[in-house]
């Protein structure tokens, strides 16, 4: 991973509890670019996040990218980040931006 001009982490593909109310210690925001809309990216991300015990959301953005906000343990966030570089089978991930996110009270993991 390397930093972009805004100080966010940017990396290329291949680099490196349940969804209820959870006590969380870390928050991360991701922006995933490539063929990531219309390929079940958000729902697949939700399934991964729930499996990892994370809370947050996955949301399509007007520019064709997907925004993921996730909160939970550092190890679960690291595992989600690795999965986001691959995505579901029909996706083609070209870039993942990642940066720390401010903690927000959330329940579950939603697709928006």
PDB file of N, CA and C in Angstrom:
ATOM      1  N   UNK A   1       0.829  -1.184   0.000  1.00  0.00           N
ATOM      2  CA  UNK A   1       0.000   0.000   0.000  1.00  0.00           C
ATOM      3  C   UNK A   1       0.866   1.237   0.000  1.00  0.00           C
ATOM      4  N   UNK A   2       0.334   2.292  -0.580  1.00  0.00           N
ATOM      5  CA  UNK A   2       1.040   3.566  -0.578  1.00  0.00           C
ATOM      6  C   UNK A   2       0.026   4.670  -0.339  1.00  0.00           C
ATOM      7  N   UNK A   3       0.491   5.831   0.054  1.00  0.00           N
ATOM      8  CA  UNK A   3      -0.404   6.939   0.316  1.00  0.00           C
ATOM      9  C   UNK A   3      -0.696   7.716  -0.950  1.00  0.00           C
ATOM     10  N   UNK A   4      -1.904   8.275  -1.055  1.00  0.00           N
ATOM     11  CA  UNK A   4      -2.203   9.169  -2.155  1.00  0.00           C
ATOM     12  C   UNK A   4      -1.995  10.597  -1.666  1.00  0.00           C
ATOM     13  N   UNK A   5      -2.360  11.566  -2.466  1.00  0.00           N
ATOM     14  CA  UNK A   5      -2.097  12.956  -2.098  1.00  0.00           C
ATOM     15  C   UNK A   5      -2.930  13.428  -0.923  1.00  0.00           C
ATOM     16  N   UNK A   6      -3.981  12.685  -0.545  1.00  0.00           N
ATOM     17  CA  UNK A   6      -4.796  13.088   0.605  1.00  0.00           C
ATOM     18  C   UNK A   6      -4.362  12.387   1.872  1.00  0.00           C
ATOM     19  N   UNK A   7      -3.344  11.534   1.785  1.00  0.00           N
ATOM     20  CA  UNK A   7      -2.883  10.814   2.958  1.00  0.00           C
ATOM     21  C   UNK A   7      -3.609   9.501   3.180  1.00  0.00           C
ATOM     22  N   UNK A   8      -4.560   9.156   2.287  1.00  0.00           N
ATOM     23  CA  UNK A   8      -5.264   7.891   2.395  1.00  0.00           C
ATOM     24  C   UNK A   8      -4.382   6.771   1.888  1.00  0.00           C
ATOM     25  N   UNK A   9      -4.626   5.562   2.374  1.00  0.00           N
ATOM     26  CA  UNK A   9      -3.907   4.398   1.888  1.00  0.00           C
ATOM     27  C   UNK A   9      -4.552   3.940   0.586  1.00  0.00           C
ATOM     28  N   UNK A  10      -3.749   3.696  -0.430  1.00  0.00           N
ATOM     29  CA  UNK A  10      -4.232   3.220  -1.717  1.00  0.00           C
ATOM     30  C   UNK A  10      -3.420   2.000  -2.071  1.00  0.00           C
ATOM     31  N   UNK A  11      -4.094   0.934  -2.471  1.00  0.00           N
ATOM     32  CA  UNK A  11      -3.372  -0.266  -2.851  1.00  0.00           C
ATOM     33  C   UNK A  11      -4.014  -0.894  -4.062  1.00  0.00           C
ATOM     34  N   UNK A  12      -3.271  -1.708  -4.732  1.00  0.00           N
ATOM     35  CA  UNK A  12      -3.749  -2.415  -5.905  1.00  0.00           C
ATOM     36  C   UNK A  12      -4.178  -3.810  -5.481  1.00  0.00           C
ATOM     37  N   UNK A  13      -5.021  -4.487  -6.288  1.00  0.00           N
ATOM     38  CA  UNK A  13      -5.458  -5.832  -5.938  1.00  0.00           C
ATOM     39  C   UNK A  13      -4.272  -6.761  -5.713  1.00  0.00           C
ATOM     40  N   UNK A  14      -4.425  -7.684  -4.759  1.00  0.00           N
ATOM     41  CA  UNK A  14      -3.394  -8.660  -4.461  1.00  0.00           C
ATOM     42  C   UNK A  14      -2.435  -8.212  -3.380  1.00  0.00           C
ATOM     43  N   UNK A  15      -2.469  -6.949  -2.962  1.00  0.00           N
ATOM     44  CA  UNK A  15      -1.658  -6.493  -1.840  1.00  0.00           C
ATOM     45  C   UNK A  15      -2.521  -6.615  -0.572  1.00  0.00           C
ATOM     46  N   UNK A  16      -1.724  -6.730   0.046  1.00  0.00           N
ATOM     47  CA  UNK A  16      -2.539  -6.768   1.204  1.00  0.00           C
ATOM     48  C   UNK A  16      -3.180  -5.543   1.956  1.00  0.00           C
ATOM     49  N   UNK A  17     -18.733 -12.731  15.818  1.00  0.00           N
ATOM     50  CA  UNK A  17     -19.875 -12.184  16.535  1.00  0.00           C
ATOM     51  C   UNK A  17     -21.068 -11.990  15.619  1.00  0.00           C
ATOM     52  N   UNK A  18     -21.758 -11.585  15.469  1.00  0.00           N
ATOM     53  CA  UNK A  18     -22.901 -11.384  14.595  1.00  0.00           C
ATOM     54  C   UNK A  18     -23.030  -9.911  14.294  1.00  0.00           C
ATOM     55  N   UNK A  19     -23.998  -9.604  13.440  1.00  0.00           N
ATOM     56  CA  UNK A  19     -24.142  -8.225  13.002  1.00  0.00           C
ATOM     57  C   UNK A  19     -24.979  -7.368  13.923  1.00  0.00           C
ATOM     58  N   UNK A  20     -25.211  -7.744  15.163  1.00  0.00           N
ATOM     59  CA  UNK A  20     -25.988  -6.940  16.095  1.00  0.00           C
ATOM     60  C   UNK A  20     -25.157  -5.814  16.667  1.00  0.00           C
ATOM     61  N   UNK A  21     -25.689  -5.156  17.671  1.00  0.00           N
ATOM     62  CA  UNK A  21     -24.943  -4.086  18.336  1.00  0.00           C
ATOM     63  C   UNK A  21     -23.692  -4.685  18.957  1.00  0.00           C
ATOM     64  N   UNK A  22     -22.570  -4.051  18.750  1.00  0.00           N
ATOM     65  CA  UNK A  22     -21.301  -4.605  19.192  1.00  0.00           C
ATOM     66  C   UNK A  22     -20.459  -3.518  19.826  1.00  0.00           C
ATOM     67  N   UNK A  23     -19.610  -3.899  20.753  1.00  0.00           N
ATOM     68  CA  UNK A  23     -18.623  -2.985  21.289  1.00  0.00           C
ATOM     69  C   UNK A  23     -17.458  -2.985  20.301  1.00  0.00           C
ATOM     70  N   UNK A  24     -17.165  -1.851  19.698  1.00  0.00           N
ATOM     71  CA  UNK A  24     -16.135  -1.801  18.674  1.00  0.00           C
ATOM     72  C   UNK A  24     -14.990  -0.905  19.111  1.00  0.00           C
ATOM     73  N   UNK A  25     -13.817  -1.191  18.542  1.00  0.00           N
ATOM     74  CA  UNK A  25     -12.666  -0.404  18.939  1.00  0.00           C
ATOM     75  C   UNK A  25     -11.999   0.325  17.780  1.00  0.00           C
ATOM     76  N   UNK A  26     -12.331  -0.043  16.545  1.00  0.00           N
ATOM     77  CA  UNK A  26     -11.695   0.586  15.386  1.00  0.00           C
ATOM     78  C   UNK A  26     -12.729   0.828  14.295  1.00  0.00           C
ATOM     79  N   UNK A  27     -12.497   1.850  13.501  1.00  0.00           N
ATOM     80  CA  UNK A  27     -13.344   2.111  12.346  1.00  0.00           C
ATOM     81  C   UNK A  27     -12.479   2.352  11.125  1.00  0.00           C
ATOM     82  N   UNK A  28     -12.903   1.820   9.982  1.00  0.00           N
ATOM     83  CA  UNK A  28     -12.194   2.047   8.724  1.00  0.00           C
ATOM     84  C   UNK A  28     -13.190   2.332   7.620  1.00  0.00           C
ATOM     85  N   UNK A  29     -12.787   3.186   6.725  1.00  0.00           N
ATOM     86  CA  UNK A  29     -13.566   3.514   5.550  1.00  0.00           C
ATOM     87  C   UNK A  29     -12.790   3.030   4.326  1.00  0.00           C
ATOM     88  N   UNK A  30     -13.498   2.426   3.385  1.00  0.00           N
ATOM     89  CA  UNK A  30     -12.886   1.916   2.160  1.00  0.00           C
ATOM     90  C   UNK A  30     -13.620   2.476   0.956  1.00  0.00           C
ATOM     91  N   UNK A  31     -12.896   2.720  -0.112  1.00  0.00           N
ATOM     92  CA  UNK A  31     -13.486   3.100  -1.399  1.00  0.00           C
ATOM     93  C   UNK A  31     -12.922   2.119  -2.407  1.00  0.00           C
ATOM     94  N   UNK A  32     -13.802   1.322  -3.024  1.00  0.00           N
ATOM     95  CA  UNK A  32     -13.380   0.268  -3.932  1.00  0.00           C
ATOM     96  C   UNK A  32     -13.761   0.676  -5.347  1.00  0.00           C
ATOM     97  N   UNK A  33     -12.782   0.627  -6.247  1.00  0.00           N
ATOM     98  CA  UNK A  33     -12.995   1.018  -7.646  1.00  0.00           C
ATOM     99  C   UNK A  33     -12.742  -0.175  -8.560  1.00  0.00           C
ATOM    100  N   UNK A  34     -13.393  -0.146  -9.697  1.00  0.00           N
ATOM    101  CA  UNK A  34     -13.288  -1.207 -10.693  1.00  0.00           C
ATOM    102  C   UNK A  34     -14.694  -1.608 -11.093  1.00  0.00           C
ATOM    103  N   UNK A  35     -14.854  -2.848 -11.520  1.00  0.00           N
ATOM    104  CA  UNK A  35     -16.195  -3.350 -11.821  1.00  0.00           C
ATOM    105  C   UNK A  35     -16.755  -3.880 -10.507  1.00  0.00           C
ATOM    106  N   UNK A  36     -17.402  -2.980  -9.747  1.00  0.00           N
ATOM    107  CA  UNK A  36     -17.847  -3.324  -8.405  1.00  0.00           C
ATOM    108  C   UNK A  36     -19.327  -3.015  -8.172  1.00  0.00           C
ATOM    109  N   UNK A  37     -20.026  -2.551  -9.200  1.00  0.00           N
ATOM    110  CA  UNK A  37     -21.474  -2.369  -9.094  1.00  0.00           C
ATOM    111  C   UNK A  37     -22.138  -3.334 -10.061  1.00  0.00           C
ATOM    112  N   UNK A  38     -23.287  -3.875  -9.654  1.00  0.00           N
ATOM    113  CA  UNK A  38     -24.010  -4.831 -10.481  1.00  0.00           C
ATOM    114  C   UNK A  38     -23.411  -6.230 -10.450  1.00  0.00           C
ATOM    115  N   UNK A  39     -22.556  -6.513  -9.461  1.00  0.00           N
ATOM    116  CA  UNK A  39     -21.889  -7.824  -9.357  1.00  0.00           C
ATOM    117  C   UNK A  39     -22.050  -8.405  -7.944  1.00  0.00           C
ATOM    118  N   UNK A  40     -23.055  -7.953  -7.187  1.00  0.00           N
ATOM    119  CA  UNK A  40     -23.322  -8.417  -5.823  1.00  0.00           C
ATOM    120  C   UNK A  40     -22.207  -8.045  -4.846  1.00  0.00           C
ATOM    121  N   UNK A  41     -21.486  -6.955  -5.129  1.00  0.00           N
ATOM    122  CA  UNK A  41     -20.389  -6.552  -4.246  1.00  0.00           C
ATOM    123  C   UNK A  41     -20.892  -6.156  -2.868  1.00  0.00           C
ATOM    124  N   UNK A  42     -21.933  -5.324  -2.804  1.00  0.00           N
ATOM    125  CA  UNK A  42     -22.411  -4.847  -1.501  1.00  0.00           C
ATOM    126  C   UNK A  42     -22.953  -5.993  -0.647  1.00  0.00           C
ATOM    127  N   UNK A  43     -23.779  -6.849  -1.228  1.00  0.00           N
ATOM    128  CA  UNK A  43     -24.348  -7.950  -0.455  1.00  0.00           C
ATOM    129  C   UNK A  43     -23.265  -8.936  -0.030  1.00  0.00           C
ATOM    130  N   UNK A  44     -22.322  -9.217  -0.902  1.00  0.00           N
ATOM    131  CA  UNK A  44     -21.212 -10.109  -0.536  1.00  0.00           C
ATOM    132  C   UNK A  44     -20.373  -9.496   0.575  1.00  0.00           C
ATOM    133  N   UNK A  45     -20.178  -8.177   0.520  1.00  0.00           N
ATOM    134  CA  UNK A  45     -19.443  -7.479   1.577  1.00  0.00           C
ATOM    135  C   UNK A  45     -20.209  -7.572   2.890  1.00  0.00           C
ATOM    136  N   UNK A  46     -21.529  -7.393   2.832  1.00  0.00           N
ATOM    137  CA  UNK A  46     -22.347  -7.505   4.042  1.00  0.00           C
ATOM    138  C   UNK A  46     -22.204  -8.899   4.660  1.00  0.00           C
ATOM    139  N   UNK A  47     -22.247  -9.926   3.840  1.00  0.00           N
ATOM    140  CA  UNK A  47     -22.108 -11.293   4.345  1.00  0.00           C
ATOM    141  C   UNK A  47     -20.744 -11.501   5.014  1.00  0.00           C
ATOM    142  N   UNK A  48     -19.685 -10.995   4.400  1.00  0.00           N
ATOM    143  CA  UNK A  48     -18.347 -11.109   4.986  1.00  0.00           C
ATOM    144  C   UNK A  48     -18.276 -10.353   6.308  1.00  0.00           C
ATOM    145  N   UNK A  49     -18.824  -9.139   6.330  1.00  0.00           N
ATOM    146  CA  UNK A  49     -18.786  -8.311   7.538  1.00  0.00           C
ATOM    147  C   UNK A  49     -19.542  -8.973   8.685  1.00  0.00           C
ATOM    148  N   UNK A  50     -20.718  -9.519   8.406  1.00  0.00           N
ATOM    149  CA  UNK A  50     -21.495 -10.201   9.440  1.00  0.00           C
ATOM    150  C   UNK A  50     -20.714 -11.406   9.961  1.00  0.00           C
ATOM    151  N   UNK A  51     -20.121 -12.166   9.060  1.00  0.00           N
ATOM    152  CA  UNK A  51     -19.319 -13.331   9.455  1.00  0.00           C
ATOM    153  C   UNK A  51     -18.182 -12.919  10.393  1.00  0.00           C
ATOM    154  N   UNK A  52     -17.614 -11.731  10.150  1.00  0.00           N
ATOM    155  CA  UNK A  52     -16.480 -11.234  10.937  1.00  0.00           C
ATOM    156  C   UNK A  52     -16.904 -10.455  12.187  1.00  0.00           C
ATOM    157  N   UNK A  53     -18.205 -10.247  12.362  1.00  0.00           N
ATOM    158  CA  UNK A  53     -18.686  -9.519  13.539  1.00  0.00           C
ATOM    159  C   UNK A  53     -18.546  -8.018  13.429  1.00  0.00           C
ATOM    160  N   UNK A  54     -18.531  -7.485  12.217  1.00  0.00           N
ATOM    161  CA  UNK A  54     -18.386  -6.046  12.002  1.00  0.00           C
ATOM    162  C   UNK A  54     -19.745  -5.383  11.863  1.00  0.00           C
ATOM    163  N   UNK A  55     -19.805  -4.100  12.153  1.00  0.00           N
ATOM    164  CA  UNK A  55     -20.988  -3.281  11.906  1.00  0.00           C
ATOM    165  C   UNK A  55     -20.609  -2.205  10.904  1.00  0.00           C
ATOM    166  N   UNK A  56     -21.618  -1.676  10.189  1.00  0.00           N
ATOM    167  CA  UNK A  56     -21.344  -0.612   9.233  1.00  0.00           C
ATOM    168  C   UNK A  56     -22.265  -0.683   8.034  1.00  0.00           C
ATOM    169  N   UNK A  57     -21.733  -0.282   6.869  1.00  0.00           N
ATOM    170  CA  UNK A  57     -22.542  -0.316   5.656  1.00  0.00           C
ATOM    171  C   UNK A  57     -21.674  -0.421   4.407  1.00  0.00           C
ATOM    172  N   UNK A  58     -22.317  -0.824   3.320  1.00  0.00           N
ATOM    173  CA  UNK A  58     -21.714  -0.809   1.980  1.00  0.00           C
ATOM    174  C   UNK A  58     -22.682  -0.052   1.084  1.00  0.00           C
ATOM    175  N   UNK A  59     -22.156   0.875   0.282  1.00  0.00           N
ATOM    176  CA  UNK A  59     -23.018   1.787  -0.468  1.00  0.00           C
ATOM    177  C   UNK A  59     -22.438   2.053  -1.855  1.00  0.00           C
ATOM    178  N   UNK A  60     -23.294   1.948  -2.893  1.00  0.00           N
ATOM    179  CA  UNK A  60     -22.891   2.343  -4.241  1.00  0.00           C
ATOM    180  C   UNK A  60     -22.755   3.856  -4.295  1.00  0.00           C
ATOM    181  N   UNK A  61     -21.737   4.340  -4.995  1.00  0.00           N
ATOM    182  CA  UNK A  61     -21.553   5.777  -5.191  1.00  0.00           C
ATOM    183  C   UNK A  61     -21.804   6.124  -6.655  1.00  0.00           C
ATOM    184  N   UNK A  62     -22.181   7.366  -6.932  1.00  0.00           N
ATOM    185  CA  UNK A  62     -22.522   7.770  -8.300  1.00  0.00           C
ATOM    186  C   UNK A  62     -21.401   7.559  -9.320  1.00  0.00           C
ATOM    187  N   UNK A  63     -20.146   7.568  -8.890  1.00  0.00           N
ATOM    188  CA  UNK A  63     -19.035   7.417  -9.836  1.00  0.00           C
ATOM    189  C   UNK A  63     -18.741   5.955 -10.195  1.00  0.00           C
ATOM    190  N   UNK A  64     -19.570   5.012  -9.683  1.00  0.00           N
ATOM    191  CA  UNK A  64     -19.375   3.600  -9.995  1.00  0.00           C
ATOM    192  C   UNK A  64     -18.558   2.844  -8.971  1.00  0.00           C
ATOM    193  N   UNK A  65     -18.058   3.535  -7.957  1.00  0.00           N
ATOM    194  CA  UNK A  65     -17.294   2.862  -6.899  1.00  0.00           C
ATOM    195  C   UNK A  65     -18.242   2.446  -5.775  1.00  0.00           C
ATOM    196  N   UNK A  66     -17.699   1.723  -4.803  1.00  0.00           N
ATOM    197  CA  UNK A  66     -18.454   1.312  -3.625  1.00  0.00           C
ATOM    198  C   UNK A  66     -17.731   1.834  -2.391  1.00  0.00           C
ATOM    199  N   UNK A  67     -18.506   2.395  -1.461  1.00  0.00           N
ATOM    200  CA  UNK A  67     -17.983   2.858  -0.181  1.00  0.00           C
ATOM    201  C   UNK A  67     -18.353   1.826   0.871  1.00  0.00           C
ATOM    202  N   UNK A  68     -17.373   1.453   1.688  1.00  0.00           N
ATOM    203  CA  UNK A  68     -17.622   0.549   2.810  1.00  0.00           C
ATOM    204  C   UNK A  68     -17.131   1.238   4.074  1.00  0.00           C
ATOM    205  N   UNK A  69     -18.015   1.335   5.058  1.00  0.00           N
ATOM    206  CA  UNK A  69     -17.655   1.829   6.379  1.00  0.00           C
ATOM    207  C   UNK A  69     -17.834   0.657   7.327  1.00  0.00           C
ATOM    208  N   UNK A  70     -16.769   0.280   8.025  1.00  0.00           N
ATOM    209  CA  UNK A  70     -16.843  -0.886   8.901  1.00  0.00           C
ATOM    210  C   UNK A  70     -16.194  -0.568  10.243  1.00  0.00           C
ATOM    211  N   UNK A  71     -16.783  -1.123  11.304  1.00  0.00           N
ATOM    212  CA  UNK A  71     -16.267  -0.934  12.649  1.00  0.00           C
ATOM    213  C   UNK A  71     -16.248  -2.260  13.378  1.00  0.00           C
ATOM    214  N   UNK A  72     -15.173  -2.485  14.126  1.00  0.00           N
ATOM    215  CA  UNK A  72     -15.033  -3.718  14.887  1.00  0.00           C
ATOM    216  C   UNK A  72     -13.586  -3.919  15.286  1.00  0.00           C
ATOM    217  N   UNK A  73     -13.220  -5.165  15.498  1.00  0.00           N
ATOM    218  CA  UNK A  73     -11.856  -5.463  15.933  1.00  0.00           C
ATOM    219  C   UNK A  73     -10.872  -5.233  14.791  1.00  0.00           C
ATOM    220  N   UNK A  74      -9.655  -4.908  15.167  1.00  0.00           N
ATOM    221  CA  UNK A  74      -8.617  -4.667  14.170  1.00  0.00           C
ATOM    222  C   UNK A  74      -8.389  -5.902  13.295  1.00  0.00           C
ATOM    223  N   UNK A  75      -8.391  -7.087  13.894  1.00  0.00           N
ATOM    224  CA  UNK A  75      -8.153  -8.307  13.107  1.00  0.00           C
ATOM    225  C   UNK A  75      -9.287  -8.556  12.114  1.00  0.00           C
ATOM    226  N   UNK A  76     -10.530  -8.300  12.513  1.00  0.00           N
ATOM    227  CA  UNK A  76     -11.664  -8.476  11.599  1.00  0.00           C
ATOM    228  C   UNK A  76     -11.602  -7.456  10.464  1.00  0.00           C
ATOM    229  N   UNK A  77     -11.229  -6.216  10.782  1.00  0.00           N
ATOM    230  CA  UNK A  77     -11.102  -5.189   9.747  1.00  0.00           C
ATOM    231  C   UNK A  77      -9.987  -5.534   8.762  1.00  0.00           C
ATOM    232  N   UNK A  78      -8.906  -6.090   9.253  1.00  0.00           N
ATOM    233  CA  UNK A  78      -7.803  -6.500   8.378  1.00  0.00           C
ATOM    234  C   UNK A  78      -8.256  -7.617   7.442  1.00  0.00           C
ATOM    235  N   UNK A  79      -9.023  -8.563   7.971  1.00  0.00           N
ATOM    236  CA  UNK A  79      -9.531  -9.647   7.141  1.00  0.00           C
ATOM    237  C   UNK A  79     -10.518  -9.131   6.099  1.00  0.00           C
ATOM    238  N   UNK A  80     -11.386  -8.200   6.492  1.00  0.00           N
ATOM    239  CA  UNK A  80     -12.315  -7.608   5.525  1.00  0.00           C
ATOM    240  C   UNK A  80     -11.542  -6.868   4.438  1.00  0.00           C
ATOM    241  N   UNK A  81     -10.528  -6.107   4.824  1.00  0.00           N
ATOM    242  CA  UNK A  81      -9.727  -5.358   3.845  1.00  0.00           C
ATOM    243  C   UNK A  81      -9.127  -6.300   2.809  1.00  0.00           C
ATOM    244  N   UNK A  82      -8.608  -7.431   3.250  1.00  0.00           N
ATOM    245  CA  UNK A  82      -8.034  -8.408   2.315  1.00  0.00           C
ATOM    246  C   UNK A  82      -9.111  -8.926   1.375  1.00  0.00           C
ATOM    247  N   UNK A  83     -10.307  -9.192   1.896  1.00  0.00           N
ATOM    248  CA  UNK A  83     -11.400  -9.685   1.051  1.00  0.00           C
ATOM    249  C   UNK A  83     -11.826  -8.617   0.040  1.00  0.00           C
ATOM    250  N   UNK A  84     -11.868  -7.349   0.458  1.00  0.00           N
ATOM    251  CA  UNK A  84     -12.282  -6.272  -0.448  1.00  0.00           C
ATOM    252  C   UNK A  84     -11.362  -6.153  -1.661  1.00  0.00           C
ATOM    253  N   UNK A  85     -10.112  -6.553  -1.537  1.00  0.00           N
ATOM    254  CA  UNK A  85      -9.194  -6.521  -2.674  1.00  0.00           C
ATOM    255  C   UNK A  85      -9.561  -7.560  -3.734  1.00  0.00           C
ATOM    256  N   UNK A  86     -10.287  -8.601  -3.323  1.00  0.00           N
ATOM    257  CA  UNK A  86     -10.730  -9.642  -4.254  1.00  0.00           C
ATOM    258  C   UNK A  86     -12.177  -9.426  -4.662  1.00  0.00           C
ATOM    259  N   UNK A  87     -13.045  -9.235  -3.670  1.00  0.00           N
ATOM    260  CA  UNK A  87     -14.472  -9.088  -3.907  1.00  0.00           C
ATOM    261  C   UNK A  87     -15.107 -10.398  -4.323  1.00  0.00           C
ATOM    262  N   UNK A  88     -16.391 -10.351  -4.699  1.00  0.00           N
ATOM    263  CA  UNK A  88     -17.090 -11.549  -5.135  1.00  0.00           C
ATOM    264  C   UNK A  88     -16.612 -11.981  -6.527  1.00  0.00           C
ATOM    265  N   UNK A  89     -16.985 -13.190  -6.958  1.00  0.00           N
ATOM    266  CA  UNK A  89     -16.459 -13.739  -8.217  1.00  0.00           C
ATOM    267  C   UNK A  89     -16.644 -12.860  -9.458  1.00  0.00           C
ATOM    268  N   UNK A  90     -17.759 -12.145  -9.592  1.00  0.00           N
ATOM    269  CA  UNK A  90     -17.997 -11.356 -10.800  1.00  0.00           C
ATOM    270  C   UNK A  90     -17.338  -9.971 -10.775  1.00  0.00           C
ATOM    271  N   UNK A  91     -16.809  -9.575  -9.631  1.00  0.00           N
ATOM    272  CA  UNK A  91     -16.183  -8.251  -9.505  1.00  0.00           C
ATOM    273  C   UNK A  91     -14.781  -8.247 -10.106  1.00  0.00           C
ATOM    274  N   UNK A  92     -14.346  -7.052 -10.490  1.00  0.00           N
ATOM    275  CA  UNK A  92     -12.965  -6.840 -10.916  1.00  0.00           C
ATOM    276  C   UNK A  92     -12.461  -5.611 -10.145  1.00  0.00           C
ATOM    277  N   UNK A  93     -11.808  -5.854  -9.038  1.00  0.00           N
ATOM    278  CA  UNK A  93     -11.323  -4.768  -8.178  1.00  0.00           C
ATOM    279  C   UNK A  93     -10.039  -4.209  -8.780  1.00  0.00           C
ATOM    280  N   UNK A  94     -10.021  -2.893  -9.001  1.00  0.00           N
ATOM    281  CA  UNK A  94      -8.842  -2.233  -9.556  1.00  0.00           C
ATOM    282  C   UNK A  94      -8.076  -1.443  -8.503  1.00  0.00           C
ATOM    283  N   UNK A  95      -8.798  -0.925  -7.508  1.00  0.00           N
ATOM    284  CA  UNK A  95      -8.138  -0.096  -6.491  1.00  0.00           C
ATOM    285  C   UNK A  95      -8.974  -0.083  -5.223  1.00  0.00           C
ATOM    286  N   UNK A  96      -8.284  -0.084  -4.084  1.00  0.00           N
ATOM    287  CA  UNK A  96      -8.948   0.045  -2.787  1.00  0.00           C
ATOM    288  C   UNK A  96      -8.244   1.156  -2.016  1.00  0.00           C
ATOM    289  N   UNK A  97      -8.998   2.186  -1.649  1.00  0.00           N
ATOM    290  CA  UNK A  97      -8.496   3.228  -0.753  1.00  0.00           C
ATOM    291  C   UNK A  97      -8.980   2.875   0.638  1.00  0.00           C
ATOM    292  N   UNK A  98      -8.152   3.108   1.619  1.00  0.00           N
ATOM    293  CA  UNK A  98      -8.514   2.784   2.990  1.00  0.00           C
ATOM    294  C   UNK A  98      -7.992   3.870   3.919  1.00  0.00           C
ATOM    295  N   UNK A  99      -8.828   4.268   4.877  1.00  0.00           N
ATOM    296  CA  UNK A  99      -8.350   5.188   5.907  1.00  0.00           C
ATOM    297  C   UNK A  99      -9.152   5.011   7.183  1.00  0.00           C
ATOM    298  N   UNK A 100      -8.594   5.460   8.272  1.00  0.00           N
ATOM    299  CA  UNK A 100      -9.274   5.375   9.561  1.00  0.00           C
ATOM    300  C   UNK A 100     -10.559   6.180   9.500  1.00  0.00           C
ATOM    301  N   UNK A 101     -11.577   5.684  10.174  1.00  0.00           N
ATOM    302  CA  UNK A 101     -12.869   6.368  10.199  1.00  0.00           C
ATOM    303  C   UNK A 101     -13.254   6.663  11.644  1.00  0.00           C
ATOM    304  N   UNK A 102     -13.960   7.756  11.821  1.00  0.00           N
ATOM    305  CA  UNK A 102     -14.455   8.125  13.139  1.00  0.00           C
ATOM    306  C   UNK A 102     -15.495   7.104  13.593  1.00  0.00           C
ATOM    307  N   UNK A 103     -15.422   6.714  14.825  1.00  0.00           N
ATOM    308  CA  UNK A 103     -16.368   5.744  15.376  1.00  0.00           C
ATOM    309  C   UNK A 103     -17.778   6.335  15.388  1.00  0.00           C
ATOM    310  N   UNK A 104     -18.745   5.513  15.009  1.00  0.00           N
ATOM    311  CA  UNK A 104     -20.147   5.926  14.998  1.00  0.00           C
ATOM    312  C   UNK A 104     -20.983   4.815  15.617  1.00  0.00           C
ATOM    313  N   UNK A 105     -22.022   5.165  16.375  1.00  0.00           N
ATOM    314  CA  UNK A 105     -22.888   4.113  16.922  1.00  0.00           C
ATOM    315  C   UNK A 105     -23.684   3.483  15.779  1.00  0.00           C
ATOM    316  N   UNK A 106     -23.557   2.168  15.614  1.00  0.00           N
ATOM    317  CA  UNK A 106     -24.263   1.448  14.553  1.00  0.00           C
ATOM    318  C   UNK A 106     -24.682   0.094  15.063  1.00  0.00           C
ATOM    319  N   UNK A 107     -25.717  -0.445  14.438  1.00  0.00           N
ATOM    320  CA  UNK A 107     -26.161  -1.806  14.713  1.00  0.00           C
ATOM    321  C   UNK A 107     -26.166  -2.555  13.390  1.00  0.00           C
ATOM    322  N   UNK A 108     -25.580  -3.733  13.368  1.00  0.00           N
ATOM    323  CA  UNK A 108     -25.611  -4.559  12.172  1.00  0.00           C
ATOM    324  C   UNK A 108     -24.776  -3.999  11.035  1.00  0.00           C
ATOM    325  N   UNK A 109     -24.888  -4.657   9.902  1.00  0.00           N
ATOM    326  CA  UNK A 109     -24.192  -4.213   8.694  1.00  0.00           C
ATOM    327  C   UNK A 109     -25.223  -4.150   7.590  1.00  0.00           C
ATOM    328  N   UNK A 110     -25.330  -2.996   6.948  1.00  0.00           N
ATOM    329  CA  UNK A 110     -26.389  -2.763   5.975  1.00  0.00           C
ATOM    330  C   UNK A 110     -25.843  -2.477   4.595  1.00  0.00           C
ATOM    331  N   UNK A 111     -26.651  -2.781   3.578  1.00  0.00           N
ATOM    332  CA  UNK A 111     -26.362  -2.312   2.227  1.00  0.00           C
ATOM    333  C   UNK A 111     -27.267  -1.113   1.983  1.00  0.00           C
ATOM    334  N   UNK A 112     -26.700  -0.041   1.518  1.00  0.00           N
ATOM    335  CA  UNK A 112     -27.452   1.200   1.270  1.00  0.00           C
ATOM    336  C   UNK A 112     -27.519   1.476  -0.219  1.00  0.00           C
TER     337      UNK A 112
END
